[in-house]
Amino acid sequence: MIKINTQAPDFTLEDNKGGKVSLKDFAGRKVLLSWHPLAWTSVCTDQMRALEANLDRLTALNTVALGLSVDPAASKTAWAHVLSIRETPLLSDFWPHGKLAKELDIFLEEYGFSGRANILIDETGKVVWAKQYALSELPDMEEVLREIAKA
């Protein structure tokens, strides 16, 4: 996993709304990269819903949460619609397949998708907190919010 105090790689990825999102779009704000292995699975669903449910708390902490996986953008669009995720951008690291996940050292070659992880980037683009989880483990949103508040 990417090391703390290193500069996060810049990226531009397709989102679930037909647009493109770049890390540089959020200069001056913290960015939470919340990685899930694959859309349409139960733990991933709960993880993305937790981001959406805590949008106001994240905003109060000057933080933008992005949900990421290697799923294609069209799949992320359909999934967001089914989950009623309207505000949280869901980004596709589909092509080149898993490029950003590989740069962050969370891509699981044996499965062809990313691990489950939260990576917090500060206002200057530096990684200030990162945690990887078991594939079946739902990240504790209260822990994530505490870490963001400390950063």
N, C-alpha and C. Protein backbone atom coordinates (compact mmCIF):
# COMPACT_ATOMS: atom_id res chain seq x y z
N MET A 1 0.84 -1.17 0.00
CA MET A 1 0.00 0.00 0.00
C MET A 1 0.89 1.24 0.00
N ILE A 2 0.40 2.29 -0.63
CA ILE A 2 1.15 3.54 -0.69
C ILE A 2 1.54 3.98 0.72
N LYS A 3 2.71 4.55 0.84
CA LYS A 3 3.23 4.96 2.14
C LYS A 3 2.68 6.33 2.56
N ILE A 4 2.52 6.47 3.87
CA ILE A 4 2.11 7.75 4.45
C ILE A 4 3.19 8.79 4.14
N ASN A 5 2.79 10.02 3.98
CA ASN A 5 3.66 11.17 3.70
C ASN A 5 4.25 11.16 2.29
N THR A 6 3.71 10.34 1.40
CA THR A 6 4.12 10.42 0.00
C THR A 6 3.05 11.16 -0.78
N GLN A 7 3.47 11.75 -1.88
CA GLN A 7 2.53 12.47 -2.74
C GLN A 7 1.64 11.45 -3.46
N ALA A 8 0.36 11.67 -3.43
CA ALA A 8 -0.58 10.78 -4.13
C ALA A 8 -0.44 11.00 -5.63
N PRO A 9 -0.55 9.94 -6.42
CA PRO A 9 -0.48 10.13 -7.87
C PRO A 9 -1.72 10.88 -8.35
N ASP A 10 -1.51 11.82 -9.28
CA ASP A 10 -2.67 12.48 -9.87
C ASP A 10 -3.36 11.47 -10.78
N PHE A 11 -4.63 11.64 -10.96
CA PHE A 11 -5.39 10.72 -11.81
C PHE A 11 -6.57 11.46 -12.41
N THR A 12 -7.07 10.91 -13.49
CA THR A 12 -8.33 11.33 -14.09
C THR A 12 -9.07 10.06 -14.45
N LEU A 13 -10.24 9.88 -13.86
CA LEU A 13 -11.04 8.67 -14.07
C LEU A 13 -12.47 9.05 -14.42
N GLU A 14 -13.13 8.16 -15.15
CA GLU A 14 -14.56 8.35 -15.45
C GLU A 14 -15.36 8.14 -14.18
N ASP A 15 -16.47 8.90 -14.07
CA ASP A 15 -17.33 8.73 -12.92
C ASP A 15 -18.69 8.16 -13.33
N ASN A 16 -19.55 7.98 -12.37
CA ASN A 16 -20.86 7.38 -12.59
C ASN A 16 -21.86 8.35 -13.24
N LYS A 17 -21.45 9.59 -13.48
CA LYS A 17 -22.36 10.58 -14.06
C LYS A 17 -21.95 10.95 -15.49
N GLY A 18 -21.05 10.18 -16.07
CA GLY A 18 -20.63 10.43 -17.45
C GLY A 18 -19.55 11.48 -17.59
N GLY A 19 -18.96 11.88 -16.48
CA GLY A 19 -17.90 12.87 -16.53
C GLY A 19 -16.55 12.28 -16.16
N LYS A 20 -15.60 13.15 -15.98
CA LYS A 20 -14.25 12.76 -15.57
C LYS A 20 -13.92 13.50 -14.28
N VAL A 21 -13.21 12.83 -13.39
CA VAL A 21 -12.82 13.40 -12.12
C VAL A 21 -11.31 13.25 -11.98
N SER A 22 -10.66 14.34 -11.58
CA SER A 22 -9.21 14.34 -11.35
C SER A 22 -8.94 14.71 -9.90
N LEU A 23 -7.85 14.19 -9.37
CA LEU A 23 -7.47 14.55 -8.01
C LEU A 23 -7.28 16.06 -7.90
N LYS A 24 -6.68 16.67 -8.91
CA LYS A 24 -6.42 18.12 -8.87
C LYS A 24 -7.70 18.95 -8.80
N ASP A 25 -8.86 18.35 -9.11
CA ASP A 25 -10.14 19.06 -9.00
C ASP A 25 -10.43 19.46 -7.55
N PHE A 26 -9.78 18.80 -6.60
CA PHE A 26 -10.10 18.98 -5.19
C PHE A 26 -8.98 19.67 -4.41
N ALA A 27 -8.14 20.42 -5.10
CA ALA A 27 -7.06 21.15 -4.43
C ALA A 27 -7.65 21.99 -3.30
N GLY A 28 -7.00 21.94 -2.14
CA GLY A 28 -7.48 22.69 -0.98
C GLY A 28 -8.48 21.93 -0.13
N ARG A 29 -8.82 20.71 -0.55
CA ARG A 29 -9.73 19.86 0.23
C ARG A 29 -9.05 18.52 0.47
N LYS A 30 -9.47 17.85 1.52
CA LYS A 30 -9.02 16.48 1.73
C LYS A 30 -9.82 15.58 0.80
N VAL A 31 -9.22 14.48 0.40
CA VAL A 31 -9.89 13.52 -0.48
C VAL A 31 -9.75 12.13 0.13
N LEU A 32 -10.88 11.47 0.31
CA LEU A 32 -10.90 10.09 0.78
C LEU A 32 -11.12 9.19 -0.42
N LEU A 33 -10.12 8.38 -0.73
CA LEU A 33 -10.26 7.37 -1.77
C LEU A 33 -10.74 6.10 -1.08
N SER A 34 -12.00 5.77 -1.26
CA SER A 34 -12.59 4.60 -0.62
C SER A 34 -12.73 3.50 -1.67
N TRP A 35 -11.81 2.56 -1.63
CA TRP A 35 -11.72 1.48 -2.63
C TRP A 35 -12.55 0.28 -2.19
N HIS A 36 -13.29 -0.24 -3.14
CA HIS A 36 -14.04 -1.48 -2.91
C HIS A 36 -13.71 -2.44 -4.05
N PRO A 37 -13.71 -3.75 -3.79
CA PRO A 37 -13.31 -4.70 -4.83
C PRO A 37 -14.20 -4.68 -6.07
N LEU A 38 -15.49 -4.88 -5.90
CA LEU A 38 -16.39 -4.96 -7.05
C LEU A 38 -17.78 -4.44 -6.70
N ALA A 39 -18.37 -3.71 -7.62
CA ALA A 39 -19.75 -3.26 -7.45
C ALA A 39 -20.68 -4.47 -7.40
N TRP A 40 -21.89 -4.24 -6.95
CA TRP A 40 -22.96 -5.24 -6.94
C TRP A 40 -22.74 -6.34 -5.90
N THR A 41 -21.87 -6.10 -4.93
CA THR A 41 -21.68 -7.07 -3.85
C THR A 41 -22.10 -6.41 -2.54
N SER A 42 -22.46 -7.21 -1.56
CA SER A 42 -23.11 -6.67 -0.36
C SER A 42 -22.21 -5.75 0.47
N VAL A 43 -20.99 -6.14 0.75
CA VAL A 43 -20.12 -5.29 1.58
C VAL A 43 -19.77 -4.01 0.83
N CYS A 44 -19.53 -4.13 -0.45
CA CYS A 44 -19.22 -2.95 -1.27
C CYS A 44 -20.42 -1.99 -1.29
N THR A 45 -21.60 -2.54 -1.37
CA THR A 45 -22.82 -1.75 -1.33
C THR A 45 -22.90 -0.96 -0.02
N ASP A 46 -22.70 -1.63 1.09
CA ASP A 46 -22.76 -0.97 2.40
C ASP A 46 -21.67 0.09 2.53
N GLN A 47 -20.49 -0.18 2.00
CA GLN A 47 -19.39 0.78 2.07
C GLN A 47 -19.72 2.06 1.31
N MET A 48 -20.27 1.94 0.12
CA MET A 48 -20.60 3.12 -0.67
C MET A 48 -21.80 3.86 -0.09
N ARG A 49 -22.77 3.13 0.44
CA ARG A 49 -23.91 3.78 1.09
C ARG A 49 -23.48 4.56 2.32
N ALA A 50 -22.46 4.07 3.04
CA ALA A 50 -21.96 4.78 4.22
C ALA A 50 -21.34 6.12 3.82
N LEU A 51 -20.66 6.16 2.68
CA LEU A 51 -20.11 7.43 2.21
C LEU A 51 -21.22 8.42 1.94
N GLU A 52 -22.24 7.97 1.23
CA GLU A 52 -23.37 8.84 0.89
C GLU A 52 -24.10 9.31 2.15
N ALA A 53 -24.31 8.40 3.10
CA ALA A 53 -25.04 8.72 4.33
C ALA A 53 -24.28 9.72 5.20
N ASN A 54 -22.96 9.77 5.06
CA ASN A 54 -22.14 10.66 5.87
C ASN A 54 -21.63 11.87 5.09
N LEU A 55 -22.28 12.18 4.00
CA LEU A 55 -21.85 13.29 3.15
C LEU A 55 -21.74 14.61 3.93
N ASP A 56 -22.72 14.93 4.75
CA ASP A 56 -22.68 16.18 5.50
C ASP A 56 -21.51 16.21 6.48
N ARG A 57 -21.25 15.10 7.14
CA ARG A 57 -20.14 15.03 8.09
C ARG A 57 -18.80 15.16 7.36
N LEU A 58 -18.69 14.53 6.21
CA LEU A 58 -17.46 14.63 5.41
C LEU A 58 -17.26 16.07 4.92
N THR A 59 -18.32 16.68 4.45
CA THR A 59 -18.24 18.06 3.97
C THR A 59 -17.81 19.00 5.10
N ALA A 60 -18.33 18.78 6.30
CA ALA A 60 -17.95 19.60 7.45
C ALA A 60 -16.46 19.46 7.79
N LEU A 61 -15.86 18.34 7.37
CA LEU A 61 -14.43 18.11 7.59
C LEU A 61 -13.61 18.49 6.35
N ASN A 62 -14.22 19.27 5.44
CA ASN A 62 -13.54 19.73 4.22
C ASN A 62 -13.02 18.53 3.40
N THR A 63 -13.84 17.49 3.32
CA THR A 63 -13.41 16.25 2.68
C THR A 63 -14.40 15.81 1.60
N VAL A 64 -13.84 15.40 0.47
CA VAL A 64 -14.61 14.80 -0.60
C VAL A 64 -14.32 13.30 -0.58
N ALA A 65 -15.36 12.50 -0.56
CA ALA A 65 -15.20 11.04 -0.62
C ALA A 65 -15.45 10.56 -2.04
N LEU A 66 -14.57 9.71 -2.51
CA LEU A 66 -14.71 9.11 -3.84
C LEU A 66 -14.74 7.60 -3.66
N GLY A 67 -15.73 6.95 -4.27
CA GLY A 67 -15.80 5.50 -4.26
C GLY A 67 -15.14 4.97 -5.52
N LEU A 68 -14.19 4.06 -5.37
CA LEU A 68 -13.43 3.58 -6.52
C LEU A 68 -13.40 2.06 -6.60
N SER A 69 -13.38 1.58 -7.84
CA SER A 69 -13.16 0.16 -8.11
C SER A 69 -12.76 0.03 -9.57
N VAL A 70 -12.46 -1.20 -9.98
CA VAL A 70 -12.07 -1.45 -11.38
C VAL A 70 -13.27 -1.73 -12.28
N ASP A 71 -14.47 -1.60 -11.75
CA ASP A 71 -15.67 -1.81 -12.56
C ASP A 71 -15.75 -0.76 -13.67
N PRO A 72 -16.34 -1.11 -14.83
CA PRO A 72 -16.52 -0.11 -15.88
C PRO A 72 -17.48 1.00 -15.44
N ALA A 73 -17.31 2.18 -16.03
CA ALA A 73 -18.13 3.34 -15.66
C ALA A 73 -19.62 3.06 -15.84
N ALA A 74 -20.00 2.36 -16.89
CA ALA A 74 -21.43 2.08 -17.11
C ALA A 74 -22.01 1.25 -15.97
N SER A 75 -21.23 0.34 -15.45
CA SER A 75 -21.67 -0.47 -14.32
C SER A 75 -21.82 0.40 -13.08
N LYS A 76 -20.87 1.31 -12.86
CA LYS A 76 -20.93 2.21 -11.71
C LYS A 76 -22.17 3.12 -11.81
N THR A 77 -22.51 3.54 -13.02
CA THR A 77 -23.69 4.38 -13.22
C THR A 77 -24.96 3.63 -12.83
N ALA A 78 -25.10 2.42 -13.33
CA ALA A 78 -26.28 1.61 -13.01
C ALA A 78 -26.35 1.30 -11.52
N TRP A 79 -25.21 0.96 -10.94
CA TRP A 79 -25.14 0.61 -9.53
C TRP A 79 -25.52 1.81 -8.67
N ALA A 80 -24.99 2.99 -8.97
CA ALA A 80 -25.32 4.20 -8.21
C ALA A 80 -26.82 4.46 -8.27
N HIS A 81 -27.42 4.25 -9.44
CA HIS A 81 -28.86 4.46 -9.59
C HIS A 81 -29.64 3.49 -8.68
N VAL A 82 -29.27 2.23 -8.70
CA VAL A 82 -29.95 1.22 -7.88
C VAL A 82 -29.79 1.52 -6.39
N LEU A 83 -28.60 2.02 -6.00
CA LEU A 83 -28.32 2.30 -4.59
C LEU A 83 -28.82 3.68 -4.15
N SER A 84 -29.34 4.47 -5.08
CA SER A 84 -29.76 5.85 -4.80
C SER A 84 -28.60 6.71 -4.32
N ILE A 85 -27.42 6.47 -4.87
CA ILE A 85 -26.25 7.31 -4.58
C ILE A 85 -26.27 8.45 -5.58
N ARG A 86 -26.54 9.64 -5.08
CA ARG A 86 -26.72 10.80 -5.96
C ARG A 86 -25.55 11.79 -5.88
N GLU A 87 -24.88 11.84 -4.74
CA GLU A 87 -23.86 12.86 -4.51
C GLU A 87 -22.43 12.32 -4.55
N THR A 88 -22.21 11.15 -4.03
CA THR A 88 -20.86 10.59 -3.94
C THR A 88 -20.40 10.11 -5.30
N PRO A 89 -19.31 10.67 -5.83
CA PRO A 89 -18.80 10.19 -7.11
C PRO A 89 -18.26 8.76 -6.99
N LEU A 90 -18.68 7.91 -7.90
CA LEU A 90 -18.17 6.55 -7.98
C LEU A 90 -17.31 6.47 -9.23
N LEU A 91 -16.02 6.24 -9.04
CA LEU A 91 -15.06 6.30 -10.13
C LEU A 91 -14.65 4.93 -10.63
N SER A 92 -14.37 4.88 -11.92
CA SER A 92 -14.00 3.64 -12.59
C SER A 92 -12.51 3.63 -12.92
N ASP A 93 -11.80 2.69 -12.33
CA ASP A 93 -10.38 2.45 -12.62
C ASP A 93 -10.27 1.27 -13.60
N PHE A 94 -11.16 1.29 -14.59
CA PHE A 94 -11.30 0.15 -15.50
C PHE A 94 -10.20 0.07 -16.56
N TRP A 95 -9.87 1.25 -17.16
CA TRP A 95 -8.88 1.18 -18.25
C TRP A 95 -7.96 2.37 -18.21
N PRO A 96 -6.66 2.16 -18.30
CA PRO A 96 -6.03 0.84 -18.25
C PRO A 96 -6.38 0.13 -16.94
N HIS A 97 -6.69 -1.12 -17.04
CA HIS A 97 -7.29 -1.89 -15.96
C HIS A 97 -6.49 -1.80 -14.66
N GLY A 98 -7.11 -1.15 -13.66
CA GLY A 98 -6.51 -1.08 -12.34
C GLY A 98 -5.26 -0.22 -12.24
N LYS A 99 -5.06 0.70 -13.18
CA LYS A 99 -3.84 1.50 -13.19
C LYS A 99 -3.62 2.26 -11.88
N LEU A 100 -4.65 2.96 -11.42
CA LEU A 100 -4.49 3.72 -10.17
C LEU A 100 -4.33 2.77 -8.98
N ALA A 101 -5.11 1.71 -8.94
CA ALA A 101 -4.98 0.74 -7.85
C ALA A 101 -3.56 0.17 -7.81
N LYS A 102 -2.98 -0.06 -8.96
CA LYS A 102 -1.59 -0.55 -9.01
C LYS A 102 -0.62 0.51 -8.50
N GLU A 103 -0.83 1.78 -8.88
CA GLU A 103 0.03 2.86 -8.41
C GLU A 103 -0.04 3.01 -6.89
N LEU A 104 -1.20 2.72 -6.33
CA LEU A 104 -1.39 2.81 -4.88
C LEU A 104 -1.00 1.51 -4.17
N ASP A 105 -0.61 0.52 -4.95
CA ASP A 105 -0.18 -0.78 -4.44
C ASP A 105 -1.29 -1.50 -3.66
N ILE A 106 -2.52 -1.45 -4.21
CA ILE A 106 -3.63 -2.18 -3.60
C ILE A 106 -4.32 -3.11 -4.60
N PHE A 107 -3.75 -3.24 -5.81
CA PHE A 107 -4.35 -4.12 -6.82
C PHE A 107 -3.99 -5.56 -6.49
N LEU A 108 -4.98 -6.43 -6.54
CA LEU A 108 -4.78 -7.85 -6.25
C LEU A 108 -4.73 -8.62 -7.58
N GLU A 109 -3.53 -8.84 -8.08
CA GLU A 109 -3.33 -9.48 -9.38
C GLU A 109 -4.07 -10.81 -9.50
N GLU A 110 -4.06 -11.59 -8.43
CA GLU A 110 -4.67 -12.93 -8.49
C GLU A 110 -6.18 -12.88 -8.70
N TYR A 111 -6.80 -11.75 -8.37
CA TYR A 111 -8.24 -11.60 -8.54
C TYR A 111 -8.61 -10.67 -9.69
N GLY A 112 -7.70 -9.77 -10.05
CA GLY A 112 -8.00 -8.82 -11.12
C GLY A 112 -8.78 -7.60 -10.65
N PHE A 113 -8.76 -7.32 -9.34
CA PHE A 113 -9.43 -6.14 -8.81
C PHE A 113 -8.65 -5.60 -7.62
N SER A 114 -9.07 -4.45 -7.12
CA SER A 114 -8.38 -3.84 -5.98
C SER A 114 -8.80 -4.51 -4.69
N GLY A 115 -7.97 -4.32 -3.68
CA GLY A 115 -8.37 -4.67 -2.34
C GLY A 115 -9.32 -3.61 -1.82
N ARG A 116 -9.84 -3.86 -0.63
CA ARG A 116 -10.69 -2.86 0.03
C ARG A 116 -9.77 -1.98 0.87
N ALA A 117 -9.87 -0.67 0.67
CA ALA A 117 -8.95 0.24 1.36
C ALA A 117 -9.55 1.63 1.44
N ASN A 118 -9.09 2.38 2.42
CA ASN A 118 -9.36 3.81 2.51
C ASN A 118 -8.02 4.52 2.54
N ILE A 119 -7.88 5.51 1.67
CA ILE A 119 -6.65 6.29 1.59
C ILE A 119 -7.05 7.76 1.67
N LEU A 120 -6.51 8.45 2.67
CA LEU A 120 -6.84 9.85 2.88
C LEU A 120 -5.69 10.73 2.38
N ILE A 121 -6.05 11.67 1.53
CA ILE A 121 -5.09 12.60 0.94
C ILE A 121 -5.41 13.99 1.50
N ASP A 122 -4.37 14.69 1.97
CA ASP A 122 -4.62 16.02 2.54
C ASP A 122 -4.74 17.09 1.46
N GLU A 123 -4.92 18.31 1.89
CA GLU A 123 -5.16 19.43 0.99
C GLU A 123 -4.01 19.70 0.03
N THR A 124 -2.82 19.20 0.34
CA THR A 124 -1.65 19.41 -0.51
C THR A 124 -1.36 18.22 -1.42
N GLY A 125 -2.19 17.18 -1.33
CA GLY A 125 -1.99 16.00 -2.18
C GLY A 125 -1.14 14.91 -1.57
N LYS A 126 -0.86 15.02 -0.27
CA LYS A 126 -0.04 14.02 0.42
C LYS A 126 -0.93 12.99 1.13
N VAL A 127 -0.52 11.73 1.08
CA VAL A 127 -1.24 10.67 1.78
C VAL A 127 -0.96 10.82 3.27
N VAL A 128 -2.03 10.96 4.07
CA VAL A 128 -1.87 11.16 5.51
C VAL A 128 -2.41 10.00 6.35
N TRP A 129 -3.20 9.13 5.73
CA TRP A 129 -3.72 7.96 6.43
C TRP A 129 -4.13 6.94 5.38
N ALA A 130 -3.89 5.69 5.66
CA ALA A 130 -4.29 4.62 4.74
C ALA A 130 -4.51 3.34 5.54
N LYS A 131 -5.55 2.64 5.17
CA LYS A 131 -5.84 1.36 5.83
C LYS A 131 -6.42 0.40 4.81
N GLN A 132 -5.89 -0.81 4.82
CA GLN A 132 -6.41 -1.87 3.97
C GLN A 132 -7.22 -2.82 4.85
N TYR A 133 -8.26 -3.40 4.27
CA TYR A 133 -9.19 -4.26 5.00
C TYR A 133 -9.26 -5.62 4.33
N ALA A 134 -9.71 -6.61 5.07
CA ALA A 134 -10.02 -7.90 4.47
C ALA A 134 -11.13 -7.67 3.44
N LEU A 135 -11.16 -8.48 2.40
CA LEU A 135 -12.17 -8.30 1.35
C LEU A 135 -13.59 -8.33 1.91
N SER A 136 -13.81 -9.12 2.94
CA SER A 136 -15.16 -9.26 3.50
C SER A 136 -15.46 -8.26 4.62
N GLU A 137 -14.50 -7.39 4.95
CA GLU A 137 -14.66 -6.47 6.08
C GLU A 137 -15.21 -5.11 5.64
N LEU A 138 -16.25 -4.68 6.30
CA LEU A 138 -16.82 -3.36 6.06
C LEU A 138 -16.03 -2.35 6.88
N PRO A 139 -15.45 -1.32 6.23
CA PRO A 139 -14.74 -0.30 7.00
C PRO A 139 -15.67 0.38 8.01
N ASP A 140 -15.12 0.68 9.16
CA ASP A 140 -15.86 1.37 10.22
C ASP A 140 -15.87 2.86 9.89
N MET A 141 -17.00 3.39 9.50
CA MET A 141 -17.09 4.78 9.08
C MET A 141 -16.75 5.74 10.21
N GLU A 142 -17.05 5.37 11.44
CA GLU A 142 -16.70 6.24 12.57
C GLU A 142 -15.18 6.34 12.71
N GLU A 143 -14.48 5.24 12.51
CA GLU A 143 -13.02 5.28 12.54
C GLU A 143 -12.49 6.18 11.41
N VAL A 144 -13.06 6.04 10.22
CA VAL A 144 -12.64 6.85 9.08
C VAL A 144 -12.83 8.33 9.39
N LEU A 145 -13.98 8.69 9.93
CA LEU A 145 -14.26 10.08 10.27
C LEU A 145 -13.31 10.60 11.35
N ARG A 146 -12.96 9.78 12.32
CA ARG A 146 -11.99 10.18 13.34
C ARG A 146 -10.63 10.47 12.72
N GLU A 147 -10.21 9.62 11.79
CA GLU A 147 -8.92 9.81 11.13
C GLU A 147 -8.91 11.08 10.27
N ILE A 148 -10.02 11.34 9.61
CA ILE A 148 -10.12 12.56 8.81
C ILE A 148 -10.03 13.79 9.73
N ALA A 149 -10.72 13.73 10.86
CA ALA A 149 -10.72 14.87 11.79
C ALA A 149 -9.33 15.13 12.34
N LYS A 150 -8.51 14.08 12.50
CA LYS A 150 -7.15 14.24 13.02
C LYS A 150 -6.20 14.79 11.98
N ALA A 151 -6.51 14.59 10.70
CA ALA A 151 -5.56 14.95 9.62
C ALA A 151 -5.49 16.45 9.41
